[in-house]
Amino acid sequence: MTSHPSFGGIPLVLGGNVFGFTADLDASFAVLDRFFEAGGRMVDTAQGYSVWVPGHVGGESEAVIGKWLESRGVRGDMKIATKTGMFGKPGDLAPAKVAEELEKSLERLRTDYVDLYYAHRDEEQTPQPDVAAGFDALVKAGKVRELGASNYDATRLASLNAAADAGGHTRFTVLQNEYNLVCREAFPADLQALCTAQDILHFPWFGLAAGFLTGKYRSRDDLQRHNRGSSIERFFDRGLKVLPVLDEVVAETGASHGAVALAWLLAQPGIAAPIASASKPQQLDIQFEALRLDLTDDQLARLTAAGDPAN
């Protein structure tokens, strides 16, 4: 992270998808307070959080974060990342649409700039030179400090930066794709190589595979008992192959399952910091524990092999 001086604090990013959703205002404030007190300085959100909840319209997470920033007086200390175009609909990344949605996000966040602004999902209707120009205009206006792309593949991210270079625009220097011990398809070797070559930081989402890698889901009965069936199901079959090795490393280190999973992630090339959310302050313990955990080369190799999609 040394080449990106705008990002500070411990190498963890707090996911804001639960704020205003599974964490109400008081719980969200408690989580944010604990994260800040422990040295956490970056929070990730999106204008679409949490539109999937009946009665929500999106922006609920940003609104909670904005209230916290204002009440604690810590805007200057925190790095805030948000996104536009959650569903990748045609025209979502058109310059006028991106600028309009940023203004709404800034109002909810109670700030006049964001540290990192992502294209949440790619969409092919808007020509990439226009996407690059539209985001660049926000940087030049002082409303955005750095640009990111989420859920992009290597070909599209490379061509987006090529368009930015050709137009003399700000490059996209951050990636946010899904990546964890169980699911690695969204950060394949070609994308990893591109990030390394172009000095693009990767902040992977679902670092704990929606909680599966905490080790508490061992059967489908567990999914139903914790009411997490829909969000965990897609990790389940492959995850069952990872759990025995994860159990071994837990026994060897004395660490928690989630801390081992995040420590593996932190050790991977091109990873700047995992994004993990918490709806209760104590759930942050896993993240802080991971920072203190050094896995051996053998442990890392065994975990990597266990989660290899080819196995």
Protein backbone atom coordinates (compact mmCIF):
# COMPACT_ATOMS: atom_id res chain seq x y z
CA MET A 1 0.00 0.00 0.00
CA THR A 2 3.02 2.32 0.07
CA SER A 3 2.49 3.53 -3.47
CA HIS A 4 -1.00 4.78 -2.61
CA PRO A 5 -0.44 7.28 0.20
CA SER A 6 -4.13 8.17 0.39
CA PHE A 7 -4.87 4.88 2.17
CA GLY A 8 -3.77 4.65 5.80
CA GLY A 9 -4.37 2.72 8.99
CA ILE A 10 -4.32 -1.03 9.49
CA PRO A 11 -4.62 -3.23 6.37
CA LEU A 12 -8.31 -3.92 6.83
CA VAL A 13 -11.33 -2.35 5.19
CA LEU A 14 -14.63 -2.32 7.05
CA GLY A 15 -17.51 -3.40 4.84
CA GLY A 16 -20.52 -1.14 5.17
CA ASN A 17 -23.11 -3.36 3.51
CA VAL A 18 -24.68 -4.25 6.87
CA PHE A 19 -25.17 -0.68 8.10
CA GLY A 20 -28.86 0.17 8.13
CA PHE A 21 -29.57 -3.47 7.28
CA THR A 22 -28.60 -6.15 9.82
CA ALA A 23 -26.99 -3.49 12.00
CA ASP A 24 -29.28 -0.66 13.13
CA LEU A 25 -27.96 2.83 13.84
CA ASP A 26 -26.72 2.09 17.36
CA ALA A 27 -25.08 -1.19 16.37
CA SER A 28 -23.48 0.43 13.32
CA PHE A 29 -22.06 3.24 15.45
CA ALA A 30 -20.67 0.69 17.93
CA VAL A 31 -18.94 -1.24 15.12
CA LEU A 32 -17.54 1.92 13.54
CA ASP A 33 -16.30 3.19 16.90
CA ARG A 34 -14.46 -0.04 17.68
CA PHE A 35 -12.93 -0.21 14.20
CA PHE A 36 -11.70 3.37 14.49
CA GLU A 37 -10.31 2.88 18.01
CA ALA A 38 -8.32 -0.16 16.79
CA GLY A 39 -6.71 1.86 14.01
CA GLY A 40 -9.08 1.08 11.15
CA ARG A 41 -9.26 3.99 8.76
CA MET A 42 -11.17 2.83 5.68
CA VAL A 43 -14.86 2.04 5.24
CA ASP A 44 -16.39 0.64 2.06
CA THR A 45 -19.97 1.27 1.03
CA ALA A 46 -22.11 1.81 -2.10
CA GLN A 47 -25.08 3.86 -3.17
CA GLY A 48 -26.97 0.59 -3.68
CA TYR A 49 -26.66 -0.63 -0.07
CA SER A 50 -29.22 -1.89 0.99
CA VAL A 51 -31.71 -1.72 -1.88
CA TRP A 52 -32.38 -5.48 -1.58
CA VAL A 53 -34.27 -4.98 1.69
CA PRO A 54 -38.03 -4.50 1.31
CA GLY A 55 -38.84 -0.82 1.78
CA HIS A 56 -35.25 0.33 1.22
CA VAL A 57 -34.28 2.45 -1.77
CA GLY A 58 -30.47 2.35 -1.52
CA GLY A 59 -28.18 4.76 0.26
CA GLU A 60 -29.11 3.53 3.73
CA SER A 61 -25.53 2.49 4.49
CA GLU A 62 -24.09 5.79 3.27
CA ALA A 63 -26.56 7.70 5.44
CA VAL A 64 -25.50 5.78 8.56
CA ILE A 65 -21.81 6.35 7.83
CA GLY A 66 -22.45 10.04 7.20
CA LYS A 67 -24.17 10.44 10.55
CA TRP A 68 -21.29 8.66 12.29
CA LEU A 69 -18.62 10.76 10.55
CA GLU A 70 -20.41 13.96 11.51
CA SER A 71 -21.16 12.97 15.10
CA ARG A 72 -17.59 11.79 15.77
CA GLY A 73 -15.87 14.59 13.85
CA VAL A 74 -13.48 12.16 12.15
CA ARG A 75 -14.05 12.79 8.45
CA GLY A 76 -10.48 13.93 7.95
CA ASP A 77 -9.13 10.75 9.56
CA MET A 78 -11.26 8.26 7.61
CA LYS A 79 -10.98 7.04 4.04
CA ILE A 80 -14.44 6.56 2.55
CA ALA A 81 -15.02 4.40 -0.51
CA THR A 82 -18.35 4.22 -2.30
CA LYS A 83 -19.62 2.94 -5.63
CA THR A 84 -22.08 3.74 -8.40
CA GLY A 85 -23.90 1.45 -10.82
CA MET A 86 -24.57 -1.53 -8.57
CA PHE A 87 -26.52 -3.49 -11.15
CA GLY A 88 -24.50 -2.62 -14.24
CA LYS A 89 -27.54 -1.39 -16.14
CA PRO A 90 -27.02 0.20 -19.57
CA GLY A 91 -26.05 3.83 -19.07
CA ASP A 92 -25.16 3.48 -15.39
CA LEU A 93 -21.60 4.63 -16.12
CA ALA A 94 -22.53 7.50 -18.42
CA PRO A 95 -20.80 10.68 -17.19
CA ALA A 96 -24.00 12.55 -16.31
CA LYS A 97 -25.41 9.56 -14.41
CA VAL A 98 -22.17 8.98 -12.50
CA ALA A 99 -21.96 12.65 -11.52
CA GLU A 100 -25.61 12.73 -10.46
CA GLU A 101 -25.27 9.65 -8.26
CA LEU A 102 -22.08 10.98 -6.67
CA GLU A 103 -23.90 14.13 -5.55
CA LYS A 104 -26.52 11.99 -3.83
CA SER A 105 -23.81 9.91 -2.15
CA LEU A 106 -21.96 13.01 -0.94
CA GLU A 107 -25.16 14.37 0.58
CA ARG A 108 -25.84 11.12 2.44
CA LEU A 109 -22.23 10.82 3.56
CA ARG A 110 -22.27 14.47 4.74
CA THR A 111 -19.02 15.26 2.99
CA ASP A 112 -17.83 17.15 -0.08
CA TYR A 113 -15.53 14.40 -1.38
CA VAL A 114 -14.94 10.65 -1.28
CA ASP A 115 -11.50 9.12 -1.08
CA LEU A 116 -12.30 6.34 -3.53
CA TYR A 117 -15.10 6.10 -6.10
CA TYR A 118 -15.79 2.81 -7.87
CA ALA A 119 -17.59 1.78 -10.99
CA HIS A 120 -19.56 -0.91 -9.15
CA ARG A 121 -20.16 -3.08 -12.20
CA ASP A 122 -19.11 -2.86 -15.80
CA GLU A 123 -21.66 -2.01 -18.47
CA GLU A 124 -20.90 -2.00 -22.18
CA GLN A 125 -23.40 0.55 -23.50
CA THR A 126 -21.32 3.52 -22.37
CA PRO A 127 -18.07 3.71 -24.37
CA GLN A 128 -15.05 3.32 -22.15
CA PRO A 129 -13.52 6.67 -23.22
CA ASP A 130 -16.70 8.28 -21.89
CA VAL A 131 -16.51 6.30 -18.65
CA ALA A 132 -12.91 7.37 -18.16
CA ALA A 133 -13.69 11.01 -18.94
CA GLY A 134 -16.71 11.08 -16.65
CA PHE A 135 -14.88 9.72 -13.63
CA ASP A 136 -11.85 11.89 -14.35
CA ALA A 137 -14.04 15.01 -14.29
CA LEU A 138 -15.02 14.18 -10.71
CA VAL A 139 -11.38 13.88 -9.70
CA LYS A 140 -10.53 17.18 -11.37
CA ALA A 141 -13.47 18.80 -9.57
CA GLY A 142 -12.01 17.70 -6.23
CA LYS A 143 -14.98 15.47 -5.39
CA VAL A 144 -13.08 12.18 -5.72
CA ARG A 145 -9.50 11.38 -4.70
CA GLU A 146 -8.92 8.00 -6.38
CA LEU A 147 -10.78 5.75 -8.84
CA GLY A 148 -11.65 2.08 -8.61
CA ALA A 149 -13.37 -0.65 -10.60
CA SER A 150 -15.40 -3.43 -9.00
CA ASN A 151 -16.36 -6.76 -10.57
CA TYR A 152 -14.21 -6.13 -13.68
CA ASP A 153 -12.25 -8.71 -15.63
CA ALA A 154 -8.69 -8.18 -16.87
CA THR A 155 -9.63 -7.33 -20.45
CA ARG A 156 -12.14 -4.65 -19.52
CA LEU A 157 -10.02 -3.13 -16.76
CA ALA A 158 -6.99 -2.96 -19.05
CA SER A 159 -9.00 -1.31 -21.82
CA LEU A 160 -10.55 1.14 -19.35
CA ASN A 161 -7.11 2.28 -18.22
CA ALA A 162 -5.94 2.39 -21.85
CA ALA A 163 -8.85 4.73 -22.57
CA ALA A 164 -7.92 6.84 -19.55
CA ASP A 165 -4.32 7.07 -20.73
CA ALA A 166 -5.35 7.97 -24.27
CA GLY A 167 -7.53 10.81 -23.02
CA GLY A 168 -5.08 12.08 -20.43
CA HIS A 169 -7.47 11.09 -17.67
CA THR A 170 -7.02 9.70 -14.17
CA ARG A 171 -6.34 5.96 -14.15
CA PHE A 172 -8.31 3.39 -12.18
CA THR A 173 -5.87 2.27 -9.50
CA VAL A 174 -8.03 0.07 -7.26
CA LEU A 175 -9.92 -3.17 -7.91
CA GLN A 176 -12.65 -4.74 -5.80
CA ASN A 177 -13.60 -8.27 -6.86
CA GLU A 178 -14.73 -11.30 -4.92
CA TYR A 179 -11.80 -13.38 -3.68
CA ASN A 180 -11.45 -15.77 -0.78
CA LEU A 181 -10.27 -19.27 0.10
CA VAL A 182 -13.39 -20.79 -1.48
CA CYS A 183 -14.10 -18.58 -4.51
CA ARG A 184 -11.21 -17.32 -6.62
CA GLU A 185 -12.60 -17.17 -10.15
CA ALA A 186 -13.10 -13.39 -10.08
CA PHE A 187 -9.38 -12.75 -9.49
CA PRO A 188 -7.68 -15.12 -11.94
CA ALA A 189 -4.01 -15.11 -12.89
CA ASP A 190 -4.38 -12.63 -15.76
CA LEU A 191 -6.16 -10.09 -13.56
CA GLN A 192 -3.67 -10.62 -10.75
CA ALA A 193 -0.83 -10.01 -13.22
CA LEU A 194 -2.50 -6.84 -14.52
CA CYS A 195 -2.88 -5.47 -10.98
CA THR A 196 0.78 -6.15 -10.28
CA ALA A 197 1.96 -4.61 -13.55
CA GLN A 198 -0.20 -1.50 -13.25
CA ASP A 199 0.14 -1.04 -9.48
CA ILE A 200 -3.57 -1.60 -8.93
CA LEU A 201 -4.55 -2.37 -5.34
CA HIS A 202 -7.07 -5.16 -4.79
CA PHE A 203 -9.51 -4.89 -1.90
CA PRO A 204 -11.41 -8.20 -2.22
CA TRP A 205 -15.00 -8.47 -1.07
CA PHE A 206 -16.51 -11.45 0.77
CA GLY A 207 -13.14 -12.27 2.35
CA LEU A 208 -14.91 -14.65 4.73
CA ALA A 209 -17.24 -16.05 2.03
CA ALA A 210 -20.29 -14.42 3.63
CA GLY A 211 -19.30 -15.98 6.95
CA PHE A 212 -18.81 -19.55 5.73
CA LEU A 213 -15.09 -19.42 6.54
CA THR A 214 -15.77 -18.76 10.21
CA GLY A 215 -16.25 -22.52 10.42
CA LYS A 216 -19.71 -22.53 11.94
CA TYR A 217 -21.48 -23.87 8.86
CA ARG A 218 -20.86 -27.62 8.68
CA SER A 219 -24.20 -28.85 7.36
CA ARG A 220 -27.24 -27.48 5.64
CA ASP A 221 -29.00 -27.66 8.99
CA ASP A 222 -26.46 -25.07 10.18
CA LEU A 223 -27.43 -22.83 7.28
CA GLN A 224 -31.07 -22.97 8.24
CA ARG A 225 -30.36 -22.53 11.95
CA HIS A 226 -28.43 -19.32 11.31
CA ASN A 227 -30.89 -18.19 8.62
CA ARG A 228 -28.04 -17.83 6.11
CA GLY A 229 -29.08 -20.46 3.57
CA SER A 230 -29.34 -18.24 0.49
CA SER A 231 -26.11 -16.28 0.97
CA ILE A 232 -23.97 -19.24 2.03
CA GLU A 233 -25.32 -21.99 -0.22
CA ARG A 234 -23.09 -21.22 -3.21
CA PHE A 235 -19.97 -21.67 -1.05
CA PHE A 236 -21.12 -24.85 0.60
CA ASP A 237 -20.00 -27.80 -1.53
CA ARG A 238 -16.56 -26.41 -2.37
CA GLY A 239 -16.21 -25.03 1.15
CA LEU A 240 -16.62 -28.48 2.67
CA LYS A 241 -13.37 -29.45 0.91
CA VAL A 242 -11.58 -26.49 2.47
CA LEU A 243 -12.83 -26.96 6.03
CA PRO A 244 -10.68 -30.00 6.95
CA VAL A 245 -7.46 -28.15 6.06
CA LEU A 246 -8.75 -25.01 7.72
CA ASP A 247 -9.43 -27.09 10.83
CA GLU A 248 -5.85 -28.42 10.73
CA VAL A 249 -4.33 -24.94 10.55
CA VAL A 250 -6.60 -23.73 13.33
CA ALA A 251 -5.37 -26.60 15.51
CA GLU A 252 -1.74 -25.82 14.64
CA THR A 253 -1.97 -22.08 15.30
CA GLY A 254 -4.65 -21.79 17.96
CA ALA A 255 -6.25 -19.07 15.84
CA SER A 256 -9.90 -18.82 14.85
CA HIS A 257 -11.12 -20.11 11.50
CA GLY A 258 -11.97 -16.65 10.26
CA ALA A 259 -8.58 -15.24 11.25
CA VAL A 260 -6.79 -18.02 9.36
CA ALA A 261 -8.92 -17.36 6.26
CA LEU A 262 -8.17 -13.62 6.36
CA ALA A 263 -4.48 -14.21 7.09
CA TRP A 264 -4.30 -16.42 3.99
CA LEU A 265 -5.93 -13.62 2.01
CA LEU A 266 -3.50 -11.01 3.33
CA ALA A 267 -0.59 -13.20 2.22
CA GLN A 268 -1.72 -13.41 -1.42
CA PRO A 269 0.07 -11.38 -4.11
CA GLY A 270 -1.73 -8.20 -5.12
CA ILE A 271 -4.02 -8.09 -2.09
CA ALA A 272 -3.95 -4.74 -0.29
CA ALA A 273 -6.54 -5.42 2.40
CA PRO A 274 -9.61 -7.65 2.72
CA ILE A 275 -13.06 -6.15 3.11
CA ALA A 276 -15.07 -7.73 5.91
CA SER A 277 -18.22 -6.47 7.56
CA ALA A 278 -19.48 -6.81 11.12
CA SER A 279 -22.92 -6.23 12.54
CA LYS A 280 -21.65 -6.41 16.13
CA PRO A 281 -18.43 -4.94 17.57
CA GLN A 282 -17.16 -8.32 18.80
CA GLN A 283 -17.27 -9.69 15.25
CA LEU A 284 -14.30 -7.43 14.50
CA ASP A 285 -12.14 -9.64 16.72
CA ILE A 286 -11.58 -11.99 13.77
CA GLN A 287 -10.20 -9.16 11.63
CA PHE A 288 -7.85 -7.86 14.32
CA GLU A 289 -6.68 -11.40 15.10
CA ALA A 290 -5.78 -11.97 11.44
CA LEU A 291 -3.37 -9.04 11.51
CA ARG A 292 -1.32 -10.73 14.24
CA LEU A 293 -1.27 -14.14 12.56
CA ASP A 294 1.70 -15.24 10.43
CA LEU A 295 1.01 -18.49 8.58
CA THR A 296 3.91 -20.67 7.47
CA ASP A 297 4.64 -21.31 3.81
CA ASP A 298 3.44 -24.88 4.28
CA GLN A 299 0.16 -23.77 5.85
CA LEU A 300 -0.44 -21.25 3.08
CA ALA A 301 0.28 -23.87 0.42
CA ARG A 302 -2.08 -26.41 1.96
CA LEU A 303 -4.89 -23.87 2.22
CA THR A 304 -4.30 -22.74 -1.36
CA ALA A 305 -4.44 -26.30 -2.64
CA ALA A 306 -7.59 -27.11 -0.66
CA GLY A 307 -9.52 -24.26 -2.23
CA ASP A 308 -8.17 -24.67 -5.75
CA PRO A 309 -11.17 -24.90 -8.10
CA ALA A 310 -9.31 -27.58 -10.09
CA ASN A 311 -9.27 -29.94 -7.10
